[in-house]
Amino acid sequence: MIFLDTDIISYYLDGDFNIKKCLDNAFRQNVEICTTVVNVYEVIKGLRWRNNKQKEARIIHFFEDITIHTVKKDIAAIAATIYADLRKKGITIGDADILIAAVVMAHNGTLVTNNTKHFGCIERLRVEKWG
């Protein structure tokens, strides 16, 4: 099970050949493609800020074809642990990234992202880079 981060979804939406090729390959191999409600929020807010109705319609259709996982109280507890562990090391990253990581970890998934700076510091989070 792979979870697409916001940057990967945005690259896909912009027609990035490498991302499209990797995603098509994952679909062909019957890999479960997922994202989180946090990623959906991040993508749609950017499109609405730019008033890009055409891309928004395309991404809404794309989101219908993949699984969207939400944040529940058990996932919030995982996120709190991630936050505490990072702060003890003097590392701070945004709450959105922490919540995304917690969802991925709760579902034993792999996060596909090019944002390895933030996600690479989270222990036990599997990260794959497609860029």
C-alpha atoms as a PDB file:
ATOM      1  CA  MET A   1       0.000   0.000   0.000  1.00  0.00           C
ATOM      2  CA  ILE A   2       1.444   3.348  -1.038  1.00  0.00           C
ATOM      3  CA  PHE A   3       0.331   6.785   0.063  1.00  0.00           C
ATOM      4  CA  LEU A   4       0.843   9.709  -2.295  1.00  0.00           C
ATOM      5  CA  ASP A   5       2.084  12.899  -0.677  1.00  0.00           C
ATOM      6  CA  THR A   6       0.877  16.309  -1.809  1.00  0.00           C
ATOM      7  CA  ASP A   7       3.936  17.003  -3.948  1.00  0.00           C
ATOM      8  CA  ILE A   8       3.535  13.737  -5.878  1.00  0.00           C
ATOM      9  CA  ILE A   9      -0.163  14.432  -6.474  1.00  0.00           C
ATOM     10  CA  SER A  10       0.687  17.938  -7.693  1.00  0.00           C
ATOM     11  CA  TYR A  11       3.401  16.656 -10.045  1.00  0.00           C
ATOM     12  CA  TYR A  12       0.966  14.072 -11.399  1.00  0.00           C
ATOM     13  CA  LEU A  13      -1.658  16.763 -11.913  1.00  0.00           C
ATOM     14  CA  ASP A  14       0.895  18.901 -13.757  1.00  0.00           C
ATOM     15  CA  GLY A  15       1.636  15.997 -16.108  1.00  0.00           C
ATOM     16  CA  ASP A  16       5.087  15.012 -14.796  1.00  0.00           C
ATOM     17  CA  PHE A  17       6.105  12.094 -17.022  1.00  0.00           C
ATOM     18  CA  ASN A  18       8.157  10.228 -14.394  1.00  0.00           C
ATOM     19  CA  ILE A  19       5.428  10.449 -11.749  1.00  0.00           C
ATOM     20  CA  LYS A  20       2.762   9.351 -14.245  1.00  0.00           C
ATOM     21  CA  LYS A  21       4.941   6.409 -15.310  1.00  0.00           C
ATOM     22  CA  CYS A  22       5.533   5.321 -11.693  1.00  0.00           C
ATOM     23  CA  LEU A  23       1.853   5.672 -10.839  1.00  0.00           C
ATOM     24  CA  ASP A  24       0.732   3.778 -13.944  1.00  0.00           C
ATOM     25  CA  ASN A  25       3.186   1.018 -13.050  1.00  0.00           C
ATOM     26  CA  ALA A  26       1.806   0.821  -9.498  1.00  0.00           C
ATOM     27  CA  PHE A  27      -1.766   0.574 -10.826  1.00  0.00           C
ATOM     28  CA  ARG A  28      -0.720  -2.209 -13.247  1.00  0.00           C
ATOM     29  CA  GLN A  29       0.872  -4.129 -10.367  1.00  0.00           C
ATOM     30  CA  ASN A  30      -2.366  -3.790  -8.376  1.00  0.00           C
ATOM     31  CA  VAL A  31      -0.661  -1.806  -5.636  1.00  0.00           C
ATOM     32  CA  GLU A  32      -3.256  -0.114  -3.455  1.00  0.00           C
ATOM     33  CA  ILE A  33      -2.905   3.632  -4.084  1.00  0.00           C
ATOM     34  CA  CYS A  34      -3.922   5.863  -1.202  1.00  0.00           C
ATOM     35  CA  THR A  35      -3.565   9.324   0.215  1.00  0.00           C
ATOM     36  CA  THR A  36      -4.772  11.079   3.337  1.00  0.00           C
ATOM     37  CA  VAL A  37      -7.506  13.591   3.931  1.00  0.00           C
ATOM     38  CA  VAL A  38      -4.716  16.019   4.873  1.00  0.00           C
ATOM     39  CA  ASN A  39      -3.203  15.658   1.387  1.00  0.00           C
ATOM     40  CA  VAL A  40      -6.616  16.148  -0.216  1.00  0.00           C
ATOM     41  CA  TYR A  41      -6.991  19.364   1.776  1.00  0.00           C
ATOM     42  CA  GLU A  42      -3.522  20.606   0.801  1.00  0.00           C
ATOM     43  CA  VAL A  43      -4.048  19.957  -2.918  1.00  0.00           C
ATOM     44  CA  ILE A  44      -7.555  21.408  -3.128  1.00  0.00           C
ATOM     45  CA  LYS A  45      -6.731  24.509  -1.067  1.00  0.00           C
ATOM     46  CA  GLY A  46      -3.867  25.303  -3.452  1.00  0.00           C
ATOM     47  CA  LEU A  47      -6.066  24.881  -6.509  1.00  0.00           C
ATOM     48  CA  ARG A  48      -8.830  27.019  -5.014  1.00  0.00           C
ATOM     49  CA  TRP A  49      -6.342  29.700  -4.023  1.00  0.00           C
ATOM     50  CA  ARG A  50      -5.185  29.773  -7.646  1.00  0.00           C
ATOM     51  CA  ASN A  51      -8.824  29.500  -8.818  1.00  0.00           C
ATOM     52  CA  ASN A  52      -7.887  26.587 -11.081  1.00  0.00           C
ATOM     53  CA  LYS A  53     -11.281  24.939 -11.577  1.00  0.00           C
ATOM     54  CA  GLN A  54     -10.080  22.726 -14.440  1.00  0.00           C
ATOM     55  CA  LYS A  55      -7.328  21.051 -12.391  1.00  0.00           C
ATOM     56  CA  GLU A  56      -9.623  20.863  -9.383  1.00  0.00           C
ATOM     57  CA  ALA A  57     -12.193  18.908 -11.397  1.00  0.00           C
ATOM     58  CA  ARG A  58      -9.445  16.540 -12.618  1.00  0.00           C
ATOM     59  CA  ILE A  59      -8.074  15.936  -9.145  1.00  0.00           C
ATOM     60  CA  ILE A  60     -11.524  15.351  -7.642  1.00  0.00           C
ATOM     61  CA  HIS A  61     -12.001  12.649 -10.281  1.00  0.00           C
ATOM     62  CA  PHE A  62      -8.561  11.198  -9.449  1.00  0.00           C
ATOM     63  CA  PHE A  63      -9.424  11.111  -5.735  1.00  0.00           C
ATOM     64  CA  GLU A  64     -12.507   9.010  -6.572  1.00  0.00           C
ATOM     65  CA  ASP A  65     -10.188   6.274  -7.893  1.00  0.00           C
ATOM     66  CA  ILE A  66      -7.962   5.962  -4.825  1.00  0.00           C
ATOM     67  CA  THR A  67      -8.486   5.339  -1.125  1.00  0.00           C
ATOM     68  CA  ILE A  68      -8.528   8.398   1.135  1.00  0.00           C
ATOM     69  CA  HIS A  69      -7.631   7.676   4.763  1.00  0.00           C
ATOM     70  CA  THR A  70      -8.747   9.964   7.580  1.00  0.00           C
ATOM     71  CA  VAL A  71      -7.329  10.928  10.952  1.00  0.00           C
ATOM     72  CA  LYS A  72      -8.962   9.144  13.866  1.00  0.00           C
ATOM     73  CA  LYS A  73      -8.088   9.221  17.562  1.00  0.00           C
ATOM     74  CA  ASP A  74      -5.648   6.281  17.346  1.00  0.00           C
ATOM     75  CA  ILE A  75      -3.858   8.053  14.508  1.00  0.00           C
ATOM     76  CA  ALA A  76      -3.852  11.311  16.478  1.00  0.00           C
ATOM     77  CA  ALA A  77      -2.081   9.430  19.278  1.00  0.00           C
ATOM     78  CA  ILE A  78       0.565   8.170  16.817  1.00  0.00           C
ATOM     79  CA  ALA A  79       0.995  11.735  15.563  1.00  0.00           C
ATOM     80  CA  ALA A  80       1.468  13.005  19.117  1.00  0.00           C
ATOM     81  CA  THR A  81       4.213  10.421  19.655  1.00  0.00           C
ATOM     82  CA  ILE A  82       5.921  11.436  16.400  1.00  0.00           C
ATOM     83  CA  TYR A  83       5.766  15.076  17.467  1.00  0.00           C
ATOM     84  CA  ALA A  84       7.198  14.352  20.916  1.00  0.00           C
ATOM     85  CA  ASP A  85       9.985  12.144  19.536  1.00  0.00           C
ATOM     86  CA  LEU A  86      11.007  14.801  17.015  1.00  0.00           C
ATOM     87  CA  ARG A  87      10.891  17.657  19.544  1.00  0.00           C
ATOM     88  CA  LYS A  88      13.109  15.673  21.936  1.00  0.00           C
ATOM     89  CA  LYS A  89      15.659  15.584  19.112  1.00  0.00           C
ATOM     90  CA  GLY A  90      15.263  19.297  18.427  1.00  0.00           C
ATOM     91  CA  ILE A  91      13.460  18.696  15.146  1.00  0.00           C
ATOM     92  CA  THR A  92      10.267  20.511  14.192  1.00  0.00           C
ATOM     93  CA  ILE A  93       8.124  19.853  11.144  1.00  0.00           C
ATOM     94  CA  GLY A  94       4.605  20.950  10.345  1.00  0.00           C
ATOM     95  CA  ASP A  95       1.587  19.329  11.924  1.00  0.00           C
ATOM     96  CA  ALA A  96       0.210  18.415   8.493  1.00  0.00           C
ATOM     97  CA  ASP A  97       3.323  16.342   7.732  1.00  0.00           C
ATOM     98  CA  ILE A  98       3.150  14.691  11.151  1.00  0.00           C
ATOM     99  CA  LEU A  99      -0.502  13.763  10.608  1.00  0.00           C
ATOM    100  CA  ILE A 100       0.251  12.407   7.132  1.00  0.00           C
ATOM    101  CA  ALA A 101       3.081  10.277   8.537  1.00  0.00           C
ATOM    102  CA  ALA A 102       0.857   8.978  11.339  1.00  0.00           C
ATOM    103  CA  VAL A 103      -1.842   7.884   8.884  1.00  0.00           C
ATOM    104  CA  VAL A 104       0.716   6.089   6.713  1.00  0.00           C
ATOM    105  CA  MET A 105       2.288   4.362   9.714  1.00  0.00           C
ATOM    106  CA  ALA A 106      -1.086   3.321  11.155  1.00  0.00           C
ATOM    107  CA  HIS A 107      -1.872   1.547   7.882  1.00  0.00           C
ATOM    108  CA  ASN A 108       1.585  -0.002   7.464  1.00  0.00           C
ATOM    109  CA  GLY A 109       2.049   1.875   4.225  1.00  0.00           C
ATOM    110  CA  THR A 110       4.857   3.573   2.356  1.00  0.00           C
ATOM    111  CA  LEU A 111       4.776   7.309   1.767  1.00  0.00           C
ATOM    112  CA  VAL A 112       5.713   8.338  -1.772  1.00  0.00           C
ATOM    113  CA  THR A 113       7.183  11.832  -1.547  1.00  0.00           C
ATOM    114  CA  ASN A 114      10.058  13.956  -2.695  1.00  0.00           C
ATOM    115  CA  ASN A 115       9.967  15.791   0.645  1.00  0.00           C
ATOM    116  CA  THR A 116      12.544  13.552   2.276  1.00  0.00           C
ATOM    117  CA  LYS A 117      13.838  16.457   4.386  1.00  0.00           C
ATOM    118  CA  HIS A 118      10.743  16.386   6.600  1.00  0.00           C
ATOM    119  CA  PHE A 119       9.620  12.811   6.334  1.00  0.00           C
ATOM    120  CA  GLY A 120      13.094  11.269   6.420  1.00  0.00           C
ATOM    121  CA  CYS A 121      13.521  12.197  10.074  1.00  0.00           C
ATOM    122  CA  ILE A 122      10.500  10.198  11.254  1.00  0.00           C
ATOM    123  CA  GLU A 123      11.549   6.826  12.633  1.00  0.00           C
ATOM    124  CA  ARG A 124       9.739   3.751  11.329  1.00  0.00           C
ATOM    125  CA  LEU A 125       8.134   5.686   8.457  1.00  0.00           C
ATOM    126  CA  ARG A 126       8.784   4.005   5.127  1.00  0.00           C
ATOM    127  CA  VAL A 127       9.485   6.624   2.460  1.00  0.00           C
ATOM    128  CA  GLU A 128       9.921   6.154  -1.266  1.00  0.00           C
ATOM    129  CA  LYS A 129      11.069   8.909  -3.633  1.00  0.00           C
ATOM    130  CA  TRP A 130       9.703   9.077  -7.182  1.00  0.00           C
ATOM    131  CA  GLY A 131      11.452  12.151  -8.480  1.00  0.00           C
END
